[in-house]
Amino acid sequence: MRCPFCGNPDTQVKDSRPAEDHVAIRRRRFCASCDARFTTYERVQLRDLIVVKSNGKREDFDRDKLDRSIRIATQKRPIAPDRLDQIVTGIVRRLESLGETDIPSRKIGEISMETLARIDTVAYVRFASVYKNFQEPDDFDKFISELRPDLTPDQ
């Protein structure tokens, strides 16, 4: 593993332990060249996924991009960081278990929204506002009224 600080290609593993409920391995590494320490994670990847965007463009699936979007949606919510890792891992496992290599971006959004809806309503609405591209306050009103069909607007 190359050192991210000095680029030295020879680093040493100082500690390895299971992470994310035993679906990843966390490794603490040390660079003998610059004395830097850093952490890497090793995860099982069942297949290489390709994201098919709505405009037809194709790109490699980026777990970190999904992780960032979930973390933004859940920012300042009472969800532990370890739980966020489990959420992202669960979404990735569902995508891999679809049996397809090409995954429409719409499907990734739907699975992410479905997962967030079960965990935290505020995070779900935040994610949906970006995913569904809300432009006006009325978009939020309509979406929230769909979440709570038993309420009328004047209640």
Foldseek 3Di string as FASTA:
>chain_A
DADPPPRRPDKAWDDWDAALVNQKIKTWIADPVPRDIDIDIGGDDPDWAWEQEPVRDIDTDDLVVVLVLLCVLCPPHPDDPSNSVNLSVVLNVVVVVVVDRYDYVVVSLVSSLVSCVVPPVSSSLVSCCVVVVDDDVVVSVVVVCVVPVVDDPVD
